[in-house]
C-alpha atoms as a PDB file:
ATOM      1  CA  MET A   1     142.551  87.883 114.360  1.00  0.00           C
ATOM      2  CA  VAL A   2     145.108  89.313 111.900  1.00  0.00           C
ATOM      3  CA  GLU A   3     143.612  89.541 108.406  1.00  0.00           C
ATOM      4  CA  VAL A   4     146.045  91.814 106.565  1.00  0.00           C
ATOM      5  CA  PHE A   5     149.840  91.967 106.986  1.00  0.00           C
ATOM      6  CA  ILE A   6     151.714  94.996 105.578  1.00  0.00           C
ATOM      7  CA  SER A   7     155.383  94.811 104.556  1.00  0.00           C
ATOM      8  CA  TYR A   8     157.213  98.098 103.862  1.00  0.00           C
ATOM      9  CA  SER A   9     160.312 100.204 104.359  1.00  0.00           C
ATOM     10  CA  ARG A  10     160.405 102.692 107.233  1.00  0.00           C
ATOM     11  CA  THR A  11     161.329 105.485 104.850  1.00  0.00           C
ATOM     12  CA  ASP A  12     157.811 105.165 103.419  1.00  0.00           C
ATOM     13  CA  LEU A  13     156.096 105.414 106.832  1.00  0.00           C
ATOM     14  CA  ALA A  14     153.731 108.283 105.901  1.00  0.00           C
ATOM     15  CA  ALA A  15     152.335 106.536 102.798  1.00  0.00           C
ATOM     16  CA  VAL A  16     152.103 103.187 104.597  1.00  0.00           C
ATOM     17  CA  THR A  17     150.275 104.782 107.532  1.00  0.00           C
ATOM     18  CA  ARG A  18     147.686 106.182 105.119  1.00  0.00           C
ATOM     19  CA  LEU A  19     147.334 102.747 103.507  1.00  0.00           C
ATOM     20  CA  ALA A  20     146.951 100.979 106.879  1.00  0.00           C
ATOM     21  CA  GLN A  21     144.259 103.420 107.980  1.00  0.00           C
ATOM     22  CA  ALA A  22     142.328 102.943 104.731  1.00  0.00           C
ATOM     23  CA  VAL A  23     142.480  99.146 105.037  1.00  0.00           C
ATOM     24  CA  GLU A  24     141.215  99.356 108.630  1.00  0.00           C
ATOM     25  CA  ALA A  25     138.449 101.751 107.558  1.00  0.00           C
ATOM     26  CA  ALA A  26     137.410  99.184 104.935  1.00  0.00           C
ATOM     27  CA  GLY A  27     136.744  96.740 107.793  1.00  0.00           C
ATOM     28  CA  TYR A  28     139.918  94.599 107.950  1.00  0.00           C
ATOM     29  CA  GLU A  29     142.170  93.859 110.920  1.00  0.00           C
ATOM     30  CA  VAL A  30     145.682  95.112 110.104  1.00  0.00           C
ATOM     31  CA  TRP A  31     149.085  94.187 111.571  1.00  0.00           C
ATOM     32  CA  TRP A  32     152.408  95.822 110.817  1.00  0.00           C
ATOM     33  CA  ASP A  33     155.664  95.887 112.736  1.00  0.00           C
ATOM     34  CA  ALA A  34     154.733  99.009 114.692  1.00  0.00           C
ATOM     35  CA  ASP A  35     153.161  96.559 117.165  1.00  0.00           C
ATOM     36  CA  LEU A  36     156.190  94.280 117.365  1.00  0.00           C
ATOM     37  CA  PRO A  37     156.725  92.906 120.928  1.00  0.00           C
ATOM     38  CA  PRO A  38     160.280  93.744 122.048  1.00  0.00           C
ATOM     39  CA  HIS A  39     160.852  90.402 123.799  1.00  0.00           C
ATOM     40  CA  LEU A  40     160.309  88.212 120.709  1.00  0.00           C
ATOM     41  CA  SER A  41     162.495  87.509 117.708  1.00  0.00           C
ATOM     42  CA  TYR A  42     161.638  89.688 114.727  1.00  0.00           C
ATOM     43  CA  GLY A  43     161.845  86.772 112.317  1.00  0.00           C
ATOM     44  CA  ASP A  44     159.605  84.528 114.414  1.00  0.00           C
ATOM     45  CA  VAL A  45     156.952  87.202 114.777  1.00  0.00           C
ATOM     46  CA  ILE A  46     156.920  88.029 111.054  1.00  0.00           C
ATOM     47  CA  THR A  47     156.677  84.354 110.121  1.00  0.00           C
ATOM     48  CA  ASN A  48     153.735  83.820 112.494  1.00  0.00           C
ATOM     49  CA  LYS A  49     151.893  86.956 111.418  1.00  0.00           C
ATOM     50  CA  ILE A  50     152.191  86.270 107.682  1.00  0.00           C
ATOM     51  CA  GLY A  51     151.118  82.675 108.237  1.00  0.00           C
ATOM     52  CA  ALA A  52     148.049  83.750 110.227  1.00  0.00           C
ATOM     53  CA  ALA A  53     147.046  86.561 107.855  1.00  0.00           C
ATOM     54  CA  ARG A  54     144.700  86.058 104.926  1.00  0.00           C
ATOM     55  CA  ALA A  55     146.424  88.684 102.790  1.00  0.00           C
ATOM     56  CA  ALA A  56     149.850  90.361 102.773  1.00  0.00           C
ATOM     57  CA  ILE A  57     150.282  93.786 101.181  1.00  0.00           C
ATOM     58  CA  VAL A  58     153.850  94.601 100.075  1.00  0.00           C
ATOM     59  CA  VAL A  59     154.576  98.282  99.448  1.00  0.00           C
ATOM     60  CA  TRP A  60     157.376  98.464  96.890  1.00  0.00           C
ATOM     61  CA  SER A  61     159.571 101.535  96.710  1.00  0.00           C
ATOM     62  CA  LYS A  62     163.221 102.216  95.959  1.00  0.00           C
ATOM     63  CA  ASP A  63     164.175 101.464  99.562  1.00  0.00           C
ATOM     64  CA  SER A  64     161.868  98.493 100.136  1.00  0.00           C
ATOM     65  CA  ALA A  65     163.039  96.840  96.912  1.00  0.00           C
ATOM     66  CA  ALA A  66     166.565  96.929  98.323  1.00  0.00           C
ATOM     67  CA  SER A  67     165.499  95.489 101.693  1.00  0.00           C
ATOM     68  CA  GLU A  68     166.182  91.799 102.223  1.00  0.00           C
ATOM     69  CA  TRP A  69     163.457  91.690 104.891  1.00  0.00           C
ATOM     70  CA  VAL A  70     160.796  93.033 102.534  1.00  0.00           C
ATOM     71  CA  ARG A  71     161.887  90.618  99.798  1.00  0.00           C
ATOM     72  CA  ALA A  72     161.717  87.693 102.238  1.00  0.00           C
ATOM     73  CA  GLU A  73     158.258  88.708 103.446  1.00  0.00           C
ATOM     74  CA  ALA A  74     157.010  89.117  99.860  1.00  0.00           C
ATOM     75  CA  ASP A  75     158.403  85.703  98.905  1.00  0.00           C
ATOM     76  CA  MET A  76     156.675  84.066 101.893  1.00  0.00           C
ATOM     77  CA  ALA A  77     153.344  85.724 100.991  1.00  0.00           C
ATOM     78  CA  ARG A  78     153.718  84.708  97.335  1.00  0.00           C
ATOM     79  CA  ASN A  79     154.339  81.056  98.255  1.00  0.00           C
ATOM     80  CA  GLN A  80     151.185  81.120 100.427  1.00  0.00           C
ATOM     81  CA  LYS A  81     149.075  82.633  97.598  1.00  0.00           C
ATOM     82  CA  LYS A  82     148.199  85.766  99.588  1.00  0.00           C
ATOM     83  CA  LEU A  83     150.478  88.446  98.061  1.00  0.00           C
ATOM     84  CA  ILE A  84     149.036  91.885  97.121  1.00  0.00           C
ATOM     85  CA  GLN A  85     151.658  94.156  95.517  1.00  0.00           C
ATOM     86  CA  THR A  86     151.598  97.957  95.535  1.00  0.00           C
ATOM     87  CA  ALA A  87     154.181 100.462  94.285  1.00  0.00           C
ATOM     88  CA  LEU A  88     155.034 104.021  95.274  1.00  0.00           C
ATOM     89  CA  GLY A  89     156.095 106.132  92.328  1.00  0.00           C
ATOM     90  CA  ASP A  90     157.726 105.061  89.086  1.00  0.00           C
ATOM     91  CA  ILE A  91     159.170 101.737  90.189  1.00  0.00           C
ATOM     92  CA  MET A  92     158.784  98.107  89.189  1.00  0.00           C
ATOM     93  CA  PRO A  93     158.803  95.304  91.774  1.00  0.00           C
ATOM     94  CA  PRO A  94     162.135  93.459  91.769  1.00  0.00           C
ATOM     95  CA  LEU A  95     162.626  90.002  90.275  1.00  0.00           C
ATOM     96  CA  PRO A  96     160.768  87.681  90.417  1.00  0.00           C
ATOM     97  CA  PHE A  97     157.870  89.799  91.692  1.00  0.00           C
ATOM     98  CA  ASN A  98     157.735  91.888  88.515  1.00  0.00           C
ATOM     99  CA  GLN A  99     155.921  88.950  86.911  1.00  0.00           C
ATOM    100  CA  ILE A 100     152.900  89.600  89.177  1.00  0.00           C
ATOM    101  CA  GLN A 101     150.411  92.429  88.773  1.00  0.00           C
ATOM    102  CA  PHE A 102     150.682  95.379  91.182  1.00  0.00           C
ATOM    103  CA  ALA A 103     148.701  98.516  92.053  1.00  0.00           C
ATOM    104  CA  GLU A 104     150.278 101.949  91.589  1.00  0.00           C
ATOM    105  CA  ILE A 105     149.459 104.120  94.648  1.00  0.00           C
ATOM    106  CA  GLY A 106     152.260 106.684  94.487  1.00  0.00           C
ATOM    107  CA  ASP A 107     149.814 109.531  93.733  1.00  0.00           C
ATOM    108  CA  TRP A 108     147.061 108.221  96.021  1.00  0.00           C
ATOM    109  CA  HIS A 109     146.062 110.439  98.960  1.00  0.00           C
ATOM    110  CA  GLY A 110     143.098 108.510 100.280  1.00  0.00           C
ATOM    111  CA  GLU A 111     140.625 108.975  97.404  1.00  0.00           C
ATOM    112  CA  ALA A 112     137.999 106.216  97.358  1.00  0.00           C
ATOM    113  CA  ASP A 113     137.849 106.120  93.536  1.00  0.00           C
ATOM    114  CA  HIS A 114     141.604 105.954  92.915  1.00  0.00           C
ATOM    115  CA  PRO A 115     142.303 103.069  90.476  1.00  0.00           C
ATOM    116  CA  GLY A 116     145.222 101.736  92.516  1.00  0.00           C
ATOM    117  CA  TRP A 117     143.236 101.699  95.761  1.00  0.00           C
ATOM    118  CA  ARG A 118     140.297 100.051  93.965  1.00  0.00           C
ATOM    119  CA  LYS A 119     142.630  97.237  92.858  1.00  0.00           C
ATOM    120  CA  VAL A 120     143.825  96.765  96.438  1.00  0.00           C
ATOM    121  CA  LYS A 121     140.235  96.614  97.735  1.00  0.00           C
ATOM    122  CA  ALA A 122     139.272  94.098  95.066  1.00  0.00           C
ATOM    123  CA  SER A 123     142.186  91.826  96.031  1.00  0.00           C
ATOM    124  CA  LEU A 124     141.328  92.153  99.738  1.00  0.00           C
ATOM    125  CA  ALA A 125     137.719  91.193  99.034  1.00  0.00           C
ATOM    126  CA  GLU A 126     138.869  88.132  97.083  1.00  0.00           C
ATOM    127  CA  LEU A 127     141.369  86.937  99.700  1.00  0.00           C
ATOM    128  CA  CYS A 128     139.662  88.004 102.940  1.00  0.00           C
ATOM    129  CA  GLY A 129     136.045  88.249 101.876  1.00  0.00           C
ATOM    130  CA  PRO A 130     133.987  91.371 101.134  1.00  0.00           C
ATOM    131  CA  ARG A 131     133.099  93.783 103.880  1.00  0.00           C
ATOM    132  CA  GLU A 132     129.710  95.448 104.104  1.00  0.00           C
ATOM    133  CA  PRO A 133     129.685  99.189 104.883  1.00  0.00           C
ATOM    134  CA  ALA A 134     128.377 100.093 108.317  1.00  0.00           C
ATOM    135  CA  GLU A 135     124.641 100.683 108.256  1.00  0.00           C
ATOM    136  CA  THR A 136     123.627 104.206 109.157  1.00  0.00           C
ATOM    137  CA  ARG A 137     120.588 104.514 111.323  1.00  0.00           C
ATOM    138  CA  SER A 138     118.115 107.157 110.175  1.00  0.00           C
ATOM    139  CA  ASP A 139     115.325 108.671 112.172  1.00  0.00           C
ATOM    140  CA  PRO A 140     111.780 107.563 111.156  1.00  0.00           C
ATOM    141  CA  PRO A 141     109.983 110.111 108.897  1.00  0.00           C
ATOM    142  CA  LEU A 142     107.507 112.385 110.502  1.00  0.00           C
ATOM    143  CA  ALA A 143     103.859 111.619 109.704  1.00  0.00           C
ATOM    144  CA  ALA A 144     101.977 114.133 107.565  1.00  0.00           C
ATOM    145  CA  ALA A 145      99.892 116.610 109.504  1.00  0.00           C
ATOM    146  CA  SER A 146      96.708 115.528 107.696  1.00  0.00           C
ATOM    147  CA  HIS A 147      97.210 111.934 108.900  1.00  0.00           C
ATOM    148  CA  GLN A 148      97.930 112.717 112.489  1.00  0.00           C
ATOM    149  CA  THR A 149      95.201 111.997 115.029  1.00  0.00           C
ATOM    150  CA  PRO A 150      94.663 115.086 117.182  1.00  0.00           C
ATOM    151  CA  ALA A 151      95.342 114.550 120.821  1.00  0.00           C
ATOM    152  CA  PRO A 152      92.210 114.561 123.013  1.00  0.00           C
ATOM    153  CA  LEU A 153      91.549 117.773 124.891  1.00  0.00           C
ATOM    154  CA  PRO A 154      91.978 117.584 128.642  1.00  0.00           C
ATOM    155  CA  ALA A 155      88.661 116.965 130.410  1.00  0.00           C
ATOM    156  CA  GLY A 156      87.452 119.976 132.387  1.00  0.00           C
ATOM    157  CA  PRO A 157      85.460 119.870 135.629  1.00  0.00           C
ATOM    158  CA  SER A 158      81.975 118.279 135.241  1.00  0.00           C
ATOM    159  CA  LYS A 159      78.976 120.684 135.211  1.00  0.00           C
ATOM    160  CA  TRP A 160      76.206 118.163 136.014  1.00  0.00           C
ATOM    161  CA  PRO A 161      76.031 119.193 139.736  1.00  0.00           C
ATOM    162  CA  LEU A 162      75.229 122.775 138.629  1.00  0.00           C
ATOM    163  CA  TYR A 163      72.519 121.669 136.174  1.00  0.00           C
ATOM    164  CA  ALA A 164      70.956 119.322 138.750  1.00  0.00           C
ATOM    165  CA  GLY A 165      70.867 122.065 141.379  1.00  0.00           C
ATOM    166  CA  VAL A 166      69.146 124.515 139.025  1.00  0.00           C
ATOM    167  CA  GLY A 167      66.491 121.893 138.111  1.00  0.00           C
ATOM    168  CA  ILE A 168      65.778 121.011 141.738  1.00  0.00           C
ATOM    169  CA  GLY A 169      65.442 124.702 142.652  1.00  0.00           C
ATOM    170  CA  ALA A 170      62.974 125.366 139.813  1.00  0.00           C
ATOM    171  CA  ALA A 171      60.819 122.396 140.833  1.00  0.00           C
ATOM    172  CA  ALA A 172      60.771 123.547 144.464  1.00  0.00           C
ATOM    173  CA  LEU A 173      59.667 127.066 143.439  1.00  0.00           C
ATOM    174  CA  ALA A 174      56.806 125.665 141.310  1.00  0.00           C
ATOM    175  CA  VAL A 175      55.483 123.534 144.193  1.00  0.00           C
ATOM    176  CA  ALA A 176      55.676 126.464 146.625  1.00  0.00           C
ATOM    177  CA  GLY A 177      53.778 128.772 144.282  1.00  0.00           C
ATOM    178  CA  TRP A 178      51.013 126.241 143.690  1.00  0.00           C
ATOM    179  CA  ALA A 179      50.507 125.726 147.448  1.00  0.00           C
ATOM    180  CA  LEU A 180      50.416 129.476 148.086  1.00  0.00           C
ATOM    181  CA  LEU A 181      47.755 130.065 145.460  1.00  0.00           C
ATOM    182  CA  ARG A 182      45.650 127.230 146.863  1.00  0.00           C
ATOM    183  CA  GLU A 183      45.665 128.739 150.396  1.00  0.00           C
ATOM    184  CA  ASN A 184      44.568 132.242 149.269  1.00  0.00           C
ATOM    185  CA  ARG A 185      41.609 131.330 146.931  1.00  0.00           C
ATOM    186  CA  PRO A 186      37.866 131.261 148.341  1.00  0.00           C
ATOM    187  CA  ASP A 187      36.682 127.994 149.782  1.00  0.00           C
ATOM    188  CA  GLN A 188      34.220 126.134 147.571  1.00  0.00           C
ATOM    189  CA  PRO A 189      31.666 123.691 149.078  1.00  0.00           C
ATOM    190  CA  SER A 190      31.935 120.132 148.248  1.00  0.00           C
ATOM    191  CA  ASP A 191      29.186 118.258 146.361  1.00  0.00           C
ATOM    192  CA  ASP A 192      27.690 116.852 149.610  1.00  0.00           C
ATOM    193  CA  ALA A 193      27.441 120.282 151.272  1.00  0.00           C
ATOM    194  CA  ALA A 194      25.716 121.766 148.249  1.00  0.00           C
ATOM    195  CA  ARG A 195      23.045 119.056 148.282  1.00  0.00           C
ATOM    196  CA  SER A 196      22.181 119.655 152.014  1.00  0.00           C
ATOM    197  CA  ALA A 197      22.063 123.451 151.909  1.00  0.00           C
ATOM    198  CA  SER A 198      18.897 125.492 151.355  1.00  0.00           C
ATOM    199  CA  PRO A 199      18.015 126.549 147.845  1.00  0.00           C
ATOM    200  CA  ALA A 200      19.835 129.606 146.700  1.00  0.00           C
ATOM    201  CA  PRO A 201      17.774 132.804 146.412  1.00  0.00           C
ATOM    202  CA  PRO A 202      16.814 133.926 142.962  1.00  0.00           C
ATOM    203  CA  ALA A 203      19.368 135.851 141.044  1.00  0.00           C
ATOM    204  CA  SER A 204      17.324 139.036 141.292  1.00  0.00           C
ATOM    205  CA  ALA A 205      17.497 139.008 145.105  1.00  0.00           C
ATOM    206  CA  VAL A 206      21.263 138.993 145.078  1.00  0.00           C
ATOM    207  CA  ALA A 207      22.640 142.476 144.933  1.00  0.00           C
ATOM    208  CA  PRO A 208      25.501 142.747 142.537  1.00  0.00           C
ATOM    209  CA  SER A 209      28.765 143.783 144.077  1.00  0.00           C
ATOM    210  CA  SER A 210      29.750 147.354 143.341  1.00  0.00           C
ATOM    211  CA  GLU A 211      33.559 146.548 143.492  1.00  0.00           C
ATOM    212  CA  PRO A 212      35.402 143.846 141.706  1.00  0.00           C
ATOM    213  CA  MET A 213      36.694 140.997 143.717  1.00  0.00           C
ATOM    214  CA  THR A 214      40.314 141.534 144.628  1.00  0.00           C
ATOM    215  CA  LEU A 215      42.553 138.480 144.965  1.00  0.00           C
ATOM    216  CA  PRO A 216      45.188 138.618 147.598  1.00  0.00           C
ATOM    217  CA  ALA A 217      48.608 139.405 146.200  1.00  0.00           C
ATOM    218  CA  ALA A 218      50.842 136.434 145.761  1.00  0.00           C
ATOM    219  CA  ALA A 219      53.893 136.285 147.883  1.00  0.00           C
ATOM    220  CA  PRO A 220      57.028 137.377 146.019  1.00  0.00           C
ATOM    221  CA  VAL A 221      58.941 134.511 144.576  1.00  0.00           C
ATOM    222  CA  ALA A 222      62.350 134.294 146.082  1.00  0.00           C
ATOM    223  CA  ALA A 223      65.262 134.321 143.688  1.00  0.00           C
ATOM    224  CA  PRO A 224      66.865 130.933 143.308  1.00  0.00           C
ATOM    225  CA  THR A 225      69.776 130.378 145.570  1.00  0.00           C
ATOM    226  CA  THR A 226      73.056 130.392 143.677  1.00  0.00           C
ATOM    227  CA  LEU A 227      74.697 127.019 143.979  1.00  0.00           C
ATOM    228  CA  PRO A 228      78.402 126.977 144.669  1.00  0.00           C
ATOM    229  CA  MET A 229      80.529 126.383 141.631  1.00  0.00           C
ATOM    230  CA  VAL A 230      82.623 123.232 141.600  1.00  0.00           C
ATOM    231  CA  ALA A 231      86.243 124.218 141.998  1.00  0.00           C
ATOM    232  CA  PRO A 232      88.339 123.158 138.995  1.00  0.00           C
ATOM    233  CA  VAL A 233      90.860 120.424 139.599  1.00  0.00           C
ATOM    234  CA  ALA A 234      94.283 121.944 140.026  1.00  0.00           C
ATOM    235  CA  ALA A 235      96.931 120.804 137.556  1.00  0.00           C
ATOM    236  CA  PRO A 236      99.648 118.660 139.101  1.00  0.00           C
ATOM    237  CA  ASP A 237     102.897 120.333 139.873  1.00  0.00           C
ATOM    238  CA  PRO A 238     105.470 119.874 137.078  1.00  0.00           C
ATOM    239  CA  VAL A 239     107.979 117.150 137.743  1.00  0.00           C
ATOM    240  CA  GLU A 240     111.479 118.546 137.814  1.00  0.00           C
ATOM    241  CA  PRO A 241     113.971 116.612 135.661  1.00  0.00           C
ATOM    242  CA  PRO A 242     116.690 114.782 137.567  1.00  0.00           C
ATOM    243  CA  ALA A 243     119.889 116.654 138.040  1.00  0.00           C
ATOM    244  CA  PRO A 244     122.584 115.695 135.496  1.00  0.00           C
ATOM    245  CA  ALA A 245     125.214 113.299 136.719  1.00  0.00           C
ATOM    246  CA  PRO A 246     128.523 114.957 137.561  1.00  0.00           C
ATOM    247  CA  PRO A 247     131.236 114.480 134.916  1.00  0.00           C
ATOM    248  CA  PRO A 248     133.707 111.668 135.582  1.00  0.00           C
ATOM    249  CA  PRO A 249     136.940 112.766 137.188  1.00  0.00           C
ATOM    250  CA  VAL A 250     139.728 113.569 134.792  1.00  0.00           C
ATOM    251  CA  ALA A 251     142.409 110.890 134.868  1.00  0.00           C
ATOM    252  CA  SER A 252     145.763 112.125 136.040  1.00  0.00           C
ATOM    253  CA  THR A 253     148.941 111.929 134.006  1.00  0.00           C
ATOM    254  CA  GLU A 254     151.038 110.703 136.890  1.00  0.00           C
ATOM    255  CA  GLY A 255     154.011 108.657 135.776  1.00  0.00           C
ATOM    256  CA  MET A 256     153.561 109.349 132.051  1.00  0.00           C
ATOM    257  CA  LEU A 257     156.748 109.926 130.102  1.00  0.00           C
ATOM    258  CA  PHE A 258     154.965 111.630 127.206  1.00  0.00           C
ATOM    259  CA  PRO A 259     151.384 112.584 128.171  1.00  0.00           C
ATOM    260  CA  ASP A 260     150.866 114.218 124.760  1.00  0.00           C
ATOM    261  CA  SER A 261     152.287 111.468 122.534  1.00  0.00           C
ATOM    262  CA  SER A 262     148.757 110.812 121.262  1.00  0.00           C
ATOM    263  CA  ARG A 263     148.455 114.403 119.974  1.00  0.00           C
ATOM    264  CA  ARG A 264     151.896 115.317 118.605  1.00  0.00           C
ATOM    265  CA  LEU A 265     154.811 113.630 116.935  1.00  0.00           C
ATOM    266  CA  LEU A 266     157.830 113.016 119.130  1.00  0.00           C
ATOM    267  CA  THR A 267     161.042 114.677 118.012  1.00  0.00           C
ATOM    268  CA  PRO A 268     164.636 113.385 118.147  1.00  0.00           C
ATOM    269  CA  ALA A 269     165.241 115.861 120.965  1.00  0.00           C
ATOM    270  CA  ASP A 270     162.475 114.185 123.007  1.00  0.00           C
ATOM    271  CA  ILE A 271     163.900 110.667 122.803  1.00  0.00           C
ATOM    272  CA  GLY A 272     167.576 111.191 121.904  1.00  0.00           C
ATOM    273  CA  THR A 273     168.911 110.808 125.455  1.00  0.00           C
ATOM    274  CA  MET A 274     166.671 107.940 126.582  1.00  0.00           C
ATOM    275  CA  GLY A 275     167.991 104.467 127.301  1.00  0.00           C
ATOM    276  CA  PRO A 276     166.411 101.261 125.961  1.00  0.00           C
ATOM    277  CA  ALA A 277     164.330 100.545 129.074  1.00  0.00           C
ATOM    278  CA  THR A 278     162.849 104.052 129.115  1.00  0.00           C
ATOM    279  CA  LEU A 279     162.147 103.926 125.393  1.00  0.00           C
ATOM    280  CA  GLU A 280     160.324 100.633 125.868  1.00  0.00           C
ATOM    281  CA  LEU A 281     158.149 102.112 128.608  1.00  0.00           C
ATOM    282  CA  ALA A 282     157.392 105.185 126.506  1.00  0.00           C
ATOM    283  CA  ARG A 283     156.341 103.001 123.583  1.00  0.00           C
ATOM    284  CA  ASN A 284     154.107 100.754 125.698  1.00  0.00           C
ATOM    285  CA  GLU A 285     152.706 103.798 127.491  1.00  0.00           C
ATOM    286  CA  ILE A 286     150.856 104.672 124.261  1.00  0.00           C
ATOM    287  CA  TYR A 287     149.163 101.263 124.334  1.00  0.00           C
ATOM    288  CA  ALA A 288     148.491 101.507 128.074  1.00  0.00           C
ATOM    289  CA  ARG A 289     146.550 104.744 127.638  1.00  0.00           C
ATOM    290  CA  LYS A 290     144.319 102.896 125.176  1.00  0.00           C
ATOM    291  CA  GLY A 291     143.575 100.204 127.786  1.00  0.00           C
ATOM    292  CA  LYS A 292     145.737  97.375 126.414  1.00  0.00           C
ATOM    293  CA  ARG A 293     146.013  94.250 128.559  1.00  0.00           C
ATOM    294  CA  PHE A 294     149.701  93.331 128.604  1.00  0.00           C
ATOM    295  CA  ARG A 295     150.843  89.721 128.650  1.00  0.00           C
ATOM    296  CA  ARG A 296     154.128  90.588 130.307  1.00  0.00           C
ATOM    297  CA  ALA A 297     153.870  90.729 134.065  1.00  0.00           C
ATOM    298  CA  ASP A 298     156.487  93.483 134.414  1.00  0.00           C
ATOM    299  CA  LEU A 299     154.501  95.830 132.144  1.00  0.00           C
ATOM    300  CA  ARG A 300     151.231  94.999 133.914  1.00  0.00           C
ATOM    301  CA  ASN A 301     152.769  95.652 137.322  1.00  0.00           C
ATOM    302  CA  TYR A 302     154.386  98.886 136.201  1.00  0.00           C
ATOM    303  CA  PHE A 303     151.317 100.518 134.653  1.00  0.00           C
ATOM    304  CA  SER A 304     148.884  99.186 137.266  1.00  0.00           C
ATOM    305  CA  GLN A 305     150.360 101.537 139.855  1.00  0.00           C
ATOM    306  CA  PHE A 306     148.763 104.510 138.045  1.00  0.00           C
ATOM    307  CA  ASP A 307     145.054 105.275 138.277  1.00  0.00           C
ATOM    308  CA  TRP A 308     144.805 106.248 134.593  1.00  0.00           C
ATOM    309  CA  TYR A 309     145.651 102.699 133.461  1.00  0.00           C
ATOM    310  CA  ARG A 310     142.454 100.713 132.990  1.00  0.00           C
ATOM    311  CA  PRO A 311     143.061  97.536 130.941  1.00  0.00           C
ATOM    312  CA  THR A 312     140.074  96.609 128.779  1.00  0.00           C
ATOM    313  CA  SER A 313     141.273  94.857 125.590  1.00  0.00           C
ATOM    314  CA  ASP A 314     144.051  92.679 124.199  1.00  0.00           C
ATOM    315  CA  ASN A 315     144.032  94.566 120.884  1.00  0.00           C
ATOM    316  CA  VAL A 316     143.708  98.345 120.701  1.00  0.00           C
ATOM    317  CA  ARG A 317     143.575 100.701 117.722  1.00  0.00           C
ATOM    318  CA  LEU A 318     146.113 103.493 117.411  1.00  0.00           C
ATOM    319  CA  THR A 319     145.740 106.763 115.563  1.00  0.00           C
ATOM    320  CA  ALA A 320     148.156 107.751 112.811  1.00  0.00           C
ATOM    321  CA  ILE A 321     150.138 109.970 115.207  1.00  0.00           C
ATOM    322  CA  GLU A 322     150.333 107.186 117.800  1.00  0.00           C
ATOM    323  CA  GLN A 323     151.488 104.677 115.182  1.00  0.00           C
ATOM    324  CA  GLN A 324     154.247 106.995 114.012  1.00  0.00           C
ATOM    325  CA  ASN A 325     155.377 107.632 117.578  1.00  0.00           C
ATOM    326  CA  VAL A 326     155.474 103.889 118.268  1.00  0.00           C
ATOM    327  CA  ALA A 327     157.583 103.406 115.152  1.00  0.00           C
ATOM    328  CA  ARG A 328     159.981 106.184 116.166  1.00  0.00           C
ATOM    329  CA  LEU A 329     160.414 104.819 119.669  1.00  0.00           C
ATOM    330  CA  HIS A 330     160.920 101.323 118.307  1.00  0.00           C
ATOM    331  CA  ALA A 331     163.578 102.588 115.889  1.00  0.00           C
ATOM    332  CA  ALA A 332     165.347 104.341 118.781  1.00  0.00           C
ATOM    333  CA  GLU A 333     165.313 101.069 120.732  1.00  0.00           C
ATOM    334  CA  ALA A 334     166.893  99.302 117.763  1.00  0.00           C
ATOM    335  CA  ARG A 335     170.015 101.437 118.178  1.00  0.00           C
ATOM    336  CA  TYR A 336     170.748  99.540 121.366  1.00  0.00           C
ATOM    337  CA  GLY A 337     170.470  96.147 119.664  1.00  0.00           C
ATOM    338  CA  GLN A 338     167.075  95.284 121.259  1.00  0.00           C
END
């Protein structure tokens, strides 16, 4: 949808291009005659565009004040209560437009705080509605180190099999030692055997032993068998990241009249010898590279034969260089009465 129409003289193309870019950057959809379809009447298109727009900016200068087209466009915008007047340099709008306020932008070079540009933005907001600046997404703040929960340490291999094995081995050694000592000590009679035996001789009749009683040596205790250590769990192999996707193939420039018309300004030598049909193709080629869907079947059929043409949108945005090249090609077409 066209929101802002710009009326100007082609001699002021550089200043008007800067103004159009600033209006677009402020969030408004702009139309000016650089996008004029060659198969339609100039007057019909201008009438439709001004009628559909919510605001019409007229750039007054010495040349535009003398242009009947600019005066007619300004008068149409004034009658529809959508006129925004600007002036380049020390000039007053012509009668009867000098009775309406205007913004002086002759010394403006894109500054956001320029008083003339601020007046234009205020009028746009009143006629078209305010535009909110694009929200910038910021990364979430990092949490303070003192508030961060430390990550749990990786669990190592469990040691309970080793502790259990050592305990079982110690218990087995204790039982074996107790059994060995029991086998090697002297047998003692039970209570029943003592009651049936003859009385023991008096203590004086028993000759004391001249050597102390020697207990048999205990069998050496075998060293505990070393249990096998549990092998630690091997860490999983690192997962290799997927290979990056190959870059898309570079589109060819087959069939392009000016492959670099988006990067440099065309010169009179580039377009001076071209006929009207070639100039028209060169102008629409700039839109085709941007992916414009053409309504005309002949333009669709022509550009569809090239693999670099991929239509995606009915309205495309042009850079300042592309807009100037479109204007130059359109002016060259005008020499043939198109």
